[in-house]
Amino acid sequence: MNVFPSKKSHHFVFFGTPEFGVIVLDELKRRGLMPALIVTAPDKPRGRKLLLTPPPVKVWAEKNTIPYIQTETLSPVPERLANINSDFFIVAAYGKIIPKTILALPRHGALNVHPSLLPQFRGASPIQSAILSADVTGTTIMLIDEELDHGPIVAQEILDTPLPIKRLTLETTLAEMGGRLLAETIPEWVAGNITPREQDHAKATYTKKIKKEDGLFELSDLEKNPEMLYRKWCAYDGWPSLYFFAQRGDKKIRVIVKDAILDNKVFIIKKVLPEGKTLMSWDGFQSMLI
């Protein structure tokens, strides 16, 4: 399989929203594959001031002068999407279910970049779930059908780095891997040289949507299960973070663990960010509470 696509240009639509999609787009661009159209989510309020913020994939589209559609729903089919003559679609962390009417539009179907070794870790949080389970992971190129992460596998690659790895680092690694694998796969797929294989649905595992409270722990947990605590710290990197509540005077404050290590099966907190304070060492924080 060639690393670079054939000289024939491929006409495709890209569906994606967060930074994961941007990394995949960068890998495709590096190999001469640029979408004819991008479909992404609408701008949304972000941060404490709730400023209206564009999704990262929209920012990429504008920077690269690629036309885009922002839509909350794909039903009915947007006119610009219905009228485009596409070889295939690519979906990478789009965040919405794509209706059958849209999946039927491209000549060669819709390929999804999923950051796990399907059928393991279907659903919303495959990266966090792999870290929490300390399992082997990788990336899958899948032909999308009507069910969640259910379609036949077109290509797969195993990550040879052992887990746990911090979530943001692993997300970048798997997105880069997915983009490279996709670029290698596309010419062979369009040429009809790949026969997709059905997933072993009996071995499927499913992930849940991560909630803010998943990052909460008690200081007593430091000795109960230090290895799992370290996995959680890695898995919840960025959001929701690993945090606990501490009593300071007559007030309970939220404290985020910002730096930690697992040393000889001991979870050691090195730096924390207490509510209303700046980043400080663990020893400094403990002295503050006295």
C-alpha atoms as a PDB file:
ATOM      1  CA  MET A   1       0.000   0.000   0.000  1.00  0.00           C
ATOM      2  CA  ASN A   2       1.458   3.364  -1.002  1.00  0.00           C
ATOM      3  CA  VAL A   3       2.042   6.043   1.612  1.00  0.00           C
ATOM      4  CA  PHE A   4       0.940   8.758  -0.784  1.00  0.00           C
ATOM      5  CA  PRO A   5      -2.247   8.762  -2.841  1.00  0.00           C
ATOM      6  CA  SER A   6      -2.272   8.313  -6.581  1.00  0.00           C
ATOM      7  CA  LYS A   7      -2.119  11.367  -8.819  1.00  0.00           C
ATOM      8  CA  LYS A   8      -5.866  11.216  -9.385  1.00  0.00           C
ATOM      9  CA  SER A   9      -7.583  13.760  -7.152  1.00  0.00           C
ATOM     10  CA  HIS A  10     -10.396  12.535  -4.934  1.00  0.00           C
ATOM     11  CA  HIS A  11     -13.541  14.590  -4.433  1.00  0.00           C
ATOM     12  CA  PHE A  12     -14.758  14.171  -0.847  1.00  0.00           C
ATOM     13  CA  VAL A  13     -16.656  15.815   1.998  1.00  0.00           C
ATOM     14  CA  PHE A  14     -15.227  15.930   5.525  1.00  0.00           C
ATOM     15  CA  PHE A  15     -17.410  15.819   8.649  1.00  0.00           C
ATOM     16  CA  GLY A  16     -15.733  16.861  11.910  1.00  0.00           C
ATOM     17  CA  THR A  17     -15.842  19.318  14.783  1.00  0.00           C
ATOM     18  CA  PRO A  18     -13.093  19.300  17.484  1.00  0.00           C
ATOM     19  CA  GLU A  19      -9.282  19.375  17.416  1.00  0.00           C
ATOM     20  CA  PHE A  20      -9.154  15.637  16.621  1.00  0.00           C
ATOM     21  CA  GLY A  21     -10.698  16.433  13.227  1.00  0.00           C
ATOM     22  CA  VAL A  22      -8.151  19.205  12.615  1.00  0.00           C
ATOM     23  CA  ILE A  23      -5.248  16.804  13.166  1.00  0.00           C
ATOM     24  CA  VAL A  24      -6.770  14.305  10.715  1.00  0.00           C
ATOM     25  CA  LEU A  25      -7.265  17.115   8.165  1.00  0.00           C
ATOM     26  CA  ASP A  26      -3.641  18.206   8.566  1.00  0.00           C
ATOM     27  CA  GLU A  27      -2.436  14.660   7.892  1.00  0.00           C
ATOM     28  CA  LEU A  28      -4.618  14.420   4.773  1.00  0.00           C
ATOM     29  CA  LYS A  29      -3.425  17.838   3.546  1.00  0.00           C
ATOM     30  CA  ARG A  30       0.185  16.757   4.035  1.00  0.00           C
ATOM     31  CA  ARG A  31      -0.485  13.947   1.588  1.00  0.00           C
ATOM     32  CA  GLY A  32      -2.290  16.072  -0.992  1.00  0.00           C
ATOM     33  CA  LEU A  33      -5.864  15.213   0.014  1.00  0.00           C
ATOM     34  CA  MET A  34      -8.105  18.265   0.500  1.00  0.00           C
ATOM     35  CA  PRO A  35     -11.890  18.141   1.004  1.00  0.00           C
ATOM     36  CA  ALA A  36     -14.262  19.835  -1.436  1.00  0.00           C
ATOM     37  CA  LEU A  37     -16.601  20.708   1.443  1.00  0.00           C
ATOM     38  CA  ILE A  38     -16.538  20.546   5.246  1.00  0.00           C
ATOM     39  CA  VAL A  39     -19.554  19.906   7.483  1.00  0.00           C
ATOM     40  CA  THR A  40     -19.185  20.964  11.108  1.00  0.00           C
ATOM     41  CA  ALA A  41     -21.172  22.084  14.159  1.00  0.00           C
ATOM     42  CA  PRO A  42     -22.404  25.655  14.806  1.00  0.00           C
ATOM     43  CA  ASP A  43     -20.422  28.158  16.889  1.00  0.00           C
ATOM     44  CA  LYS A  44     -21.134  27.736  20.606  1.00  0.00           C
ATOM     45  CA  PRO A  45     -20.638  29.802  23.783  1.00  0.00           C
ATOM     46  CA  ARG A  46     -17.388  28.862  25.568  1.00  0.00           C
ATOM     47  CA  GLY A  47     -15.550  29.794  28.731  1.00  0.00           C
ATOM     48  CA  ARG A  48     -16.635  31.811  31.727  1.00  0.00           C
ATOM     49  CA  LYS A  49     -17.727  34.754  29.577  1.00  0.00           C
ATOM     50  CA  LEU A  50     -19.657  32.425  27.224  1.00  0.00           C
ATOM     51  CA  LEU A  51     -18.102  33.980  24.145  1.00  0.00           C
ATOM     52  CA  LEU A  52     -19.433  32.581  20.864  1.00  0.00           C
ATOM     53  CA  THR A  53     -16.584  30.370  19.637  1.00  0.00           C
ATOM     54  CA  PRO A  54     -16.194  28.530  16.309  1.00  0.00           C
ATOM     55  CA  PRO A  55     -15.348  24.807  16.345  1.00  0.00           C
ATOM     56  CA  PRO A  56     -11.678  24.061  15.501  1.00  0.00           C
ATOM     57  CA  VAL A  57     -12.610  22.396  12.192  1.00  0.00           C
ATOM     58  CA  LYS A  58     -14.381  25.585  11.024  1.00  0.00           C
ATOM     59  CA  VAL A  59     -11.236  27.584  11.851  1.00  0.00           C
ATOM     60  CA  TRP A  60      -9.204  25.106   9.764  1.00  0.00           C
ATOM     61  CA  ALA A  61     -11.664  25.417   6.860  1.00  0.00           C
ATOM     62  CA  GLU A  62     -11.403  29.211   6.837  1.00  0.00           C
ATOM     63  CA  LYS A  63      -7.611  29.111   7.104  1.00  0.00           C
ATOM     64  CA  ASN A  64      -7.430  26.733   4.127  1.00  0.00           C
ATOM     65  CA  THR A  65     -10.215  28.458   2.128  1.00  0.00           C
ATOM     66  CA  ILE A  66     -12.405  25.349   2.061  1.00  0.00           C
ATOM     67  CA  PRO A  67     -16.183  25.926   1.850  1.00  0.00           C
ATOM     68  CA  TYR A  68     -18.091  24.692   4.890  1.00  0.00           C
ATOM     69  CA  ILE A  69     -21.565  24.113   6.294  1.00  0.00           C
ATOM     70  CA  GLN A  70     -22.439  24.631   9.958  1.00  0.00           C
ATOM     71  CA  THR A  71     -25.626  22.897  10.962  1.00  0.00           C
ATOM     72  CA  GLU A  72     -27.276  21.631  14.144  1.00  0.00           C
ATOM     73  CA  THR A  73     -29.087  18.900  12.245  1.00  0.00           C
ATOM     74  CA  LEU A  74     -28.600  17.022   8.970  1.00  0.00           C
ATOM     75  CA  SER A  75     -32.295  16.395   8.445  1.00  0.00           C
ATOM     76  CA  PRO A  76     -33.417  17.576   5.967  1.00  0.00           C
ATOM     77  CA  VAL A  77     -30.222  17.199   3.944  1.00  0.00           C
ATOM     78  CA  PRO A  78     -28.522  20.603   3.446  1.00  0.00           C
ATOM     79  CA  GLU A  79     -28.863  21.659  -0.206  1.00  0.00           C
ATOM     80  CA  ARG A  80     -25.113  22.197  -0.710  1.00  0.00           C
ATOM     81  CA  LEU A  81     -24.445  18.676   0.548  1.00  0.00           C
ATOM     82  CA  ALA A  82     -27.179  17.078  -1.554  1.00  0.00           C
ATOM     83  CA  ASN A  83     -25.855  18.703  -4.722  1.00  0.00           C
ATOM     84  CA  ILE A  84     -22.192  17.815  -4.298  1.00  0.00           C
ATOM     85  CA  ASN A  85     -20.873  14.958  -6.456  1.00  0.00           C
ATOM     86  CA  SER A  86     -18.635  13.148  -3.964  1.00  0.00           C
ATOM     87  CA  ASP A  87     -16.459  10.043  -4.276  1.00  0.00           C
ATOM     88  CA  PHE A  88     -16.680   9.390  -0.527  1.00  0.00           C
ATOM     89  CA  PHE A  89     -17.225  11.047   2.841  1.00  0.00           C
ATOM     90  CA  ILE A  90     -14.761  11.137   5.744  1.00  0.00           C
ATOM     91  CA  VAL A  91     -16.031  11.408   9.320  1.00  0.00           C
ATOM     92  CA  ALA A  92     -13.678  12.204  12.222  1.00  0.00           C
ATOM     93  CA  ALA A  93     -15.190  13.167  15.590  1.00  0.00           C
ATOM     94  CA  TYR A  94     -18.198  14.869  14.030  1.00  0.00           C
ATOM     95  CA  GLY A  95     -20.320  14.283  17.130  1.00  0.00           C
ATOM     96  CA  LYS A  96     -23.675  13.700  15.417  1.00  0.00           C
ATOM     97  CA  ILE A  97     -25.469  10.726  13.907  1.00  0.00           C
ATOM     98  CA  ILE A  98     -25.433  10.928  10.101  1.00  0.00           C
ATOM     99  CA  PRO A  99     -28.758   9.868   8.532  1.00  0.00           C
ATOM    100  CA  LYS A 100     -29.024   7.046   6.018  1.00  0.00           C
ATOM    101  CA  THR A 101     -30.107   9.514   3.318  1.00  0.00           C
ATOM    102  CA  ILE A 102     -26.720  11.231   3.576  1.00  0.00           C
ATOM    103  CA  LEU A 103     -24.644   8.043   3.907  1.00  0.00           C
ATOM    104  CA  ALA A 104     -26.134   6.926   0.576  1.00  0.00           C
ATOM    105  CA  LEU A 105     -24.898  10.015  -1.327  1.00  0.00           C
ATOM    106  CA  PRO A 106     -21.196   9.278  -2.076  1.00  0.00           C
ATOM    107  CA  ARG A 107     -20.169   6.630  -4.599  1.00  0.00           C
ATOM    108  CA  HIS A 108     -17.782   4.846  -2.224  1.00  0.00           C
ATOM    109  CA  GLY A 109     -19.582   5.320   1.084  1.00  0.00           C
ATOM    110  CA  ALA A 110     -18.532   7.143   4.246  1.00  0.00           C
ATOM    111  CA  LEU A 111     -15.287   6.281   6.042  1.00  0.00           C
ATOM    112  CA  ASN A 112     -14.962   6.953   9.770  1.00  0.00           C
ATOM    113  CA  VAL A 113     -11.707   7.441  11.703  1.00  0.00           C
ATOM    114  CA  HIS A 114     -12.306   5.890  15.135  1.00  0.00           C
ATOM    115  CA  PRO A 115      -9.614   6.045  17.868  1.00  0.00           C
ATOM    116  CA  SER A 116      -9.855   2.467  19.116  1.00  0.00           C
ATOM    117  CA  LEU A 117      -9.458  -1.081  17.848  1.00  0.00           C
ATOM    118  CA  LEU A 118     -13.089  -1.798  17.009  1.00  0.00           C
ATOM    119  CA  PRO A 119     -15.177  -3.586  18.137  1.00  0.00           C
ATOM    120  CA  GLN A 120     -13.544  -2.471  21.404  1.00  0.00           C
ATOM    121  CA  PHE A 121     -14.595   0.874  22.847  1.00  0.00           C
ATOM    122  CA  ARG A 122     -17.466   1.915  20.639  1.00  0.00           C
ATOM    123  CA  GLY A 123     -19.133   5.192  21.549  1.00  0.00           C
ATOM    124  CA  ALA A 124     -18.311   8.601  22.990  1.00  0.00           C
ATOM    125  CA  SER A 125     -15.098   8.090  24.990  1.00  0.00           C
ATOM    126  CA  PRO A 126     -12.851   5.433  23.384  1.00  0.00           C
ATOM    127  CA  ILE A 127      -9.608   7.217  24.298  1.00  0.00           C
ATOM    128  CA  GLN A 128     -10.440   7.708  27.983  1.00  0.00           C
ATOM    129  CA  SER A 129     -11.818   4.173  28.228  1.00  0.00           C
ATOM    130  CA  ALA A 130      -8.646   2.624  26.794  1.00  0.00           C
ATOM    131  CA  ILE A 131      -6.532   4.562  29.317  1.00  0.00           C
ATOM    132  CA  LEU A 132      -8.767   3.562  32.241  1.00  0.00           C
ATOM    133  CA  SER A 133      -8.623  -0.109  31.271  1.00  0.00           C
ATOM    134  CA  ALA A 134      -4.880   0.034  30.461  1.00  0.00           C
ATOM    135  CA  ASP A 135      -5.758  -1.941  27.328  1.00  0.00           C
ATOM    136  CA  VAL A 136      -4.050  -2.004  23.948  1.00  0.00           C
ATOM    137  CA  THR A 137      -5.463   0.602  21.581  1.00  0.00           C
ATOM    138  CA  GLY A 138      -5.006   1.950  18.077  1.00  0.00           C
ATOM    139  CA  THR A 139      -7.070   3.388  15.255  1.00  0.00           C
ATOM    140  CA  THR A 140      -9.721   1.969  12.922  1.00  0.00           C
ATOM    141  CA  ILE A 141     -10.961   3.082   9.507  1.00  0.00           C
ATOM    142  CA  MET A 142     -14.543   1.871   9.297  1.00  0.00           C
ATOM    143  CA  LEU A 143     -17.271   1.987   6.648  1.00  0.00           C
ATOM    144  CA  ILE A 144     -20.166   3.720   8.400  1.00  0.00           C
ATOM    145  CA  ASP A 145     -23.555   2.031   8.589  1.00  0.00           C
ATOM    146  CA  GLU A 146     -26.703   3.078  10.461  1.00  0.00           C
ATOM    147  CA  GLU A 147     -25.587   1.781  13.882  1.00  0.00           C
ATOM    148  CA  LEU A 148     -23.051   3.266  16.301  1.00  0.00           C
ATOM    149  CA  ASP A 149     -19.458   2.306  15.369  1.00  0.00           C
ATOM    150  CA  HIS A 150     -20.891  -0.900  13.927  1.00  0.00           C
ATOM    151  CA  GLY A 151     -19.813  -0.891  10.279  1.00  0.00           C
ATOM    152  CA  PRO A 152     -17.238  -3.181   8.644  1.00  0.00           C
ATOM    153  CA  ILE A 153     -13.517  -2.515   9.158  1.00  0.00           C
ATOM    154  CA  VAL A 154     -11.540  -1.181   6.199  1.00  0.00           C
ATOM    155  CA  ALA A 155      -8.151  -0.782   7.944  1.00  0.00           C
ATOM    156  CA  GLN A 156      -6.651  -0.930  11.441  1.00  0.00           C
ATOM    157  CA  GLU A 157      -3.365  -0.059  13.116  1.00  0.00           C
ATOM    158  CA  ILE A 158      -2.245  -0.962  16.641  1.00  0.00           C
ATOM    159  CA  LEU A 159      -0.467   1.616  18.803  1.00  0.00           C
ATOM    160  CA  ASP A 160       2.734   0.031  20.101  1.00  0.00           C
ATOM    161  CA  THR A 161       3.168   2.486  23.018  1.00  0.00           C
ATOM    162  CA  PRO A 162       1.954   1.011  26.337  1.00  0.00           C
ATOM    163  CA  LEU A 163      -0.833   2.722  28.290  1.00  0.00           C
ATOM    164  CA  PRO A 164      -1.572   4.735  30.351  1.00  0.00           C
ATOM    165  CA  ILE A 165      -0.694   7.902  28.424  1.00  0.00           C
ATOM    166  CA  LYS A 166      -2.188  11.324  29.181  1.00  0.00           C
ATOM    167  CA  ARG A 167      -5.402  11.784  27.236  1.00  0.00           C
ATOM    168  CA  LEU A 168      -4.455  14.870  25.189  1.00  0.00           C
ATOM    169  CA  THR A 169      -1.170  13.246  24.114  1.00  0.00           C
ATOM    170  CA  LEU A 170      -2.888   9.982  23.177  1.00  0.00           C
ATOM    171  CA  GLU A 171      -5.647  11.832  21.311  1.00  0.00           C
ATOM    172  CA  THR A 172      -3.064  13.653  19.171  1.00  0.00           C
ATOM    173  CA  THR A 173      -1.141  10.436  18.524  1.00  0.00           C
ATOM    174  CA  LEU A 174      -4.244   8.498  17.446  1.00  0.00           C
ATOM    175  CA  ALA A 175      -5.512  11.356  15.272  1.00  0.00           C
ATOM    176  CA  GLU A 176      -2.155  11.547  13.477  1.00  0.00           C
ATOM    177  CA  MET A 177      -2.132   7.777  13.095  1.00  0.00           C
ATOM    178  CA  GLY A 178      -5.710   7.828  11.809  1.00  0.00           C
ATOM    179  CA  GLY A 179      -4.960  10.550   9.273  1.00  0.00           C
ATOM    180  CA  ARG A 180      -1.906   8.689   7.956  1.00  0.00           C
ATOM    181  CA  LEU A 181      -3.770   5.380   7.764  1.00  0.00           C
ATOM    182  CA  LEU A 182      -6.677   7.066   6.017  1.00  0.00           C
ATOM    183  CA  ALA A 183      -4.396   8.651   3.424  1.00  0.00           C
ATOM    184  CA  GLU A 184      -2.825   5.249   2.730  1.00  0.00           C
ATOM    185  CA  THR A 185      -6.205   3.543   2.545  1.00  0.00           C
ATOM    186  CA  ILE A 186      -8.172   5.945   0.326  1.00  0.00           C
ATOM    187  CA  PRO A 187      -6.574   5.138  -3.075  1.00  0.00           C
ATOM    188  CA  GLU A 188      -6.853   1.400  -2.450  1.00  0.00           C
ATOM    189  CA  TRP A 189     -10.447   1.750  -1.236  1.00  0.00           C
ATOM    190  CA  VAL A 190     -11.568   3.819  -4.226  1.00  0.00           C
ATOM    191  CA  ALA A 191      -9.812   1.396  -6.588  1.00  0.00           C
ATOM    192  CA  GLY A 192     -11.813  -1.507  -5.100  1.00  0.00           C
ATOM    193  CA  ASN A 193      -8.730  -3.278  -3.761  1.00  0.00           C
ATOM    194  CA  ILE A 194      -9.976  -3.566  -0.151  1.00  0.00           C
ATOM    195  CA  THR A 195     -12.691  -5.930   1.043  1.00  0.00           C
ATOM    196  CA  PRO A 196     -14.086  -4.632   4.351  1.00  0.00           C
ATOM    197  CA  ARG A 197     -14.436  -7.231   7.109  1.00  0.00           C
ATOM    198  CA  GLU A 198     -17.388  -7.484   9.446  1.00  0.00           C
ATOM    199  CA  GLN A 199     -16.716  -6.651  13.085  1.00  0.00           C
ATOM    200  CA  ASP A 200     -17.045  -9.427  15.656  1.00  0.00           C
ATOM    201  CA  HIS A 201     -20.118  -7.886  17.280  1.00  0.00           C
ATOM    202  CA  ALA A 202     -20.121 -10.446  20.102  1.00  0.00           C
ATOM    203  CA  LYS A 203     -16.864  -8.893  21.351  1.00  0.00           C
ATOM    204  CA  ALA A 204     -18.090  -5.306  21.196  1.00  0.00           C
ATOM    205  CA  THR A 205     -17.583  -3.073  24.243  1.00  0.00           C
ATOM    206  CA  TYR A 206     -19.245   0.304  24.730  1.00  0.00           C
ATOM    207  CA  THR A 207     -18.100   3.539  26.334  1.00  0.00           C
ATOM    208  CA  LYS A 208     -20.035   6.200  28.209  1.00  0.00           C
ATOM    209  CA  LYS A 209     -20.064   9.972  27.903  1.00  0.00           C
ATOM    210  CA  ILE A 210     -17.592  11.446  30.412  1.00  0.00           C
ATOM    211  CA  LYS A 211     -19.180  13.651  33.084  1.00  0.00           C
ATOM    212  CA  LYS A 212     -17.565  16.299  35.270  1.00  0.00           C
ATOM    213  CA  GLU A 213     -18.096  14.254  38.438  1.00  0.00           C
ATOM    214  CA  ASP A 214     -16.060  11.359  36.980  1.00  0.00           C
ATOM    215  CA  GLY A 215     -12.920  13.302  37.900  1.00  0.00           C
ATOM    216  CA  LEU A 216     -13.784  13.552  41.602  1.00  0.00           C
ATOM    217  CA  PHE A 217     -11.845  11.469  44.137  1.00  0.00           C
ATOM    218  CA  GLU A 218     -11.268  11.353  47.881  1.00  0.00           C
ATOM    219  CA  LEU A 219      -7.814  11.777  49.380  1.00  0.00           C
ATOM    220  CA  SER A 220      -8.330   8.425  51.101  1.00  0.00           C
ATOM    221  CA  ASP A 221      -8.211   6.881  47.598  1.00  0.00           C
ATOM    222  CA  LEU A 222      -4.486   7.674  47.388  1.00  0.00           C
ATOM    223  CA  GLU A 223      -3.693   4.468  49.261  1.00  0.00           C
ATOM    224  CA  LYS A 224      -6.699   2.343  48.257  1.00  0.00           C
ATOM    225  CA  ASN A 225      -6.063   2.104  44.504  1.00  0.00           C
ATOM    226  CA  PRO A 226      -3.127   4.273  43.400  1.00  0.00           C
ATOM    227  CA  GLU A 227      -2.809   2.669  39.944  1.00  0.00           C
ATOM    228  CA  MET A 228      -6.433   3.354  39.035  1.00  0.00           C
ATOM    229  CA  LEU A 229      -6.097   6.895  40.362  1.00  0.00           C
ATOM    230  CA  TYR A 230      -3.114   7.454  38.074  1.00  0.00           C
ATOM    231  CA  ARG A 231      -5.091   6.082  35.117  1.00  0.00           C
ATOM    232  CA  LYS A 232      -7.911   8.497  35.931  1.00  0.00           C
ATOM    233  CA  TRP A 233      -5.460  11.389  36.105  1.00  0.00           C
ATOM    234  CA  CYS A 234      -4.207  10.448  32.625  1.00  0.00           C
ATOM    235  CA  ALA A 235      -7.684   9.745  31.197  1.00  0.00           C
ATOM    236  CA  TYR A 236      -9.259  12.987  32.411  1.00  0.00           C
ATOM    237  CA  ASP A 237      -6.373  15.174  31.249  1.00  0.00           C
ATOM    238  CA  GLY A 238      -7.775  18.480  29.967  1.00  0.00           C
ATOM    239  CA  TRP A 239     -11.358  17.757  31.080  1.00  0.00           C
ATOM    240  CA  PRO A 240     -12.864  17.073  33.564  1.00  0.00           C
ATOM    241  CA  SER A 241      -9.434  16.749  35.266  1.00  0.00           C
ATOM    242  CA  LEU A 242      -8.753  14.776  38.454  1.00  0.00           C
ATOM    243  CA  TYR A 243      -9.859  16.808  41.461  1.00  0.00           C
ATOM    244  CA  PHE A 244     -10.877  16.671  45.121  1.00  0.00           C
ATOM    245  CA  PHE A 245     -12.427  18.990  47.678  1.00  0.00           C
ATOM    246  CA  ALA A 246     -10.495  20.264  50.696  1.00  0.00           C
ATOM    247  CA  GLN A 247     -11.591  22.202  53.745  1.00  0.00           C
ATOM    248  CA  ARG A 248      -9.914  25.583  54.139  1.00  0.00           C
ATOM    249  CA  GLY A 249     -11.256  27.429  57.140  1.00  0.00           C
ATOM    250  CA  ASP A 250     -15.045  27.432  56.881  1.00  0.00           C
ATOM    251  CA  LYS A 251     -15.033  26.838  53.116  1.00  0.00           C
ATOM    252  CA  LYS A 252     -14.707  23.804  50.858  1.00  0.00           C
ATOM    253  CA  ILE A 253     -12.478  24.432  47.862  1.00  0.00           C
ATOM    254  CA  ARG A 254     -12.026  22.452  44.649  1.00  0.00           C
ATOM    255  CA  VAL A 255      -8.438  21.364  44.030  1.00  0.00           C
ATOM    256  CA  ILE A 256      -7.289  20.127  40.595  1.00  0.00           C
ATOM    257  CA  VAL A 257      -4.332  17.738  40.345  1.00  0.00           C
ATOM    258  CA  LYS A 258      -2.074  19.292  37.687  1.00  0.00           C
ATOM    259  CA  ASP A 259       1.022  17.101  37.950  1.00  0.00           C
ATOM    260  CA  ALA A 260       1.415  13.578  39.320  1.00  0.00           C
ATOM    261  CA  ILE A 261       3.430  10.384  38.879  1.00  0.00           C
ATOM    262  CA  LEU A 262       3.053   6.719  39.699  1.00  0.00           C
ATOM    263  CA  ASP A 263       6.274   5.671  41.429  1.00  0.00           C
ATOM    264  CA  ASN A 264       6.682   2.086  42.616  1.00  0.00           C
ATOM    265  CA  LYS A 265       2.875   1.696  42.718  1.00  0.00           C
ATOM    266  CA  VAL A 266       2.471   4.899  44.745  1.00  0.00           C
ATOM    267  CA  PHE A 267       0.406   7.785  43.323  1.00  0.00           C
ATOM    268  CA  ILE A 268       2.364  10.938  44.103  1.00  0.00           C
ATOM    269  CA  ILE A 269       0.761  14.355  43.634  1.00  0.00           C
ATOM    270  CA  LYS A 270       3.369  16.958  42.678  1.00  0.00           C
ATOM    271  CA  LYS A 271       1.384  20.093  41.745  1.00  0.00           C
ATOM    272  CA  VAL A 272      -2.180  21.269  42.328  1.00  0.00           C
ATOM    273  CA  LEU A 273      -4.390  24.195  41.366  1.00  0.00           C
ATOM    274  CA  PRO A 274      -6.635  25.166  44.299  1.00  0.00           C
ATOM    275  CA  GLU A 275      -9.803  27.145  43.586  1.00  0.00           C
ATOM    276  CA  GLY A 276      -9.022  30.873  43.555  1.00  0.00           C
ATOM    277  CA  LYS A 277      -5.246  30.285  43.738  1.00  0.00           C
ATOM    278  CA  THR A 278      -2.299  29.850  41.385  1.00  0.00           C
ATOM    279  CA  LEU A 279      -0.468  26.625  40.595  1.00  0.00           C
ATOM    280  CA  MET A 280       1.468  25.365  43.622  1.00  0.00           C
ATOM    281  CA  SER A 281       3.437  22.382  44.861  1.00  0.00           C
ATOM    282  CA  TRP A 282       1.692  19.658  46.852  1.00  0.00           C
ATOM    283  CA  ASP A 283       3.802  20.481  49.906  1.00  0.00           C
ATOM    284  CA  GLY A 284       2.922  24.160  49.562  1.00  0.00           C
ATOM    285  CA  PHE A 285      -0.757  23.343  49.356  1.00  0.00           C
ATOM    286  CA  GLN A 286      -0.660  21.182  52.460  1.00  0.00           C
ATOM    287  CA  SER A 287       1.111  23.971  54.348  1.00  0.00           C
ATOM    288  CA  MET A 288      -1.622  26.373  53.240  1.00  0.00           C
ATOM    289  CA  LEU A 289      -4.272  24.222  54.913  1.00  0.00           C
ATOM    290  CA  ILE A 290      -2.537  24.139  58.294  1.00  0.00           C
END
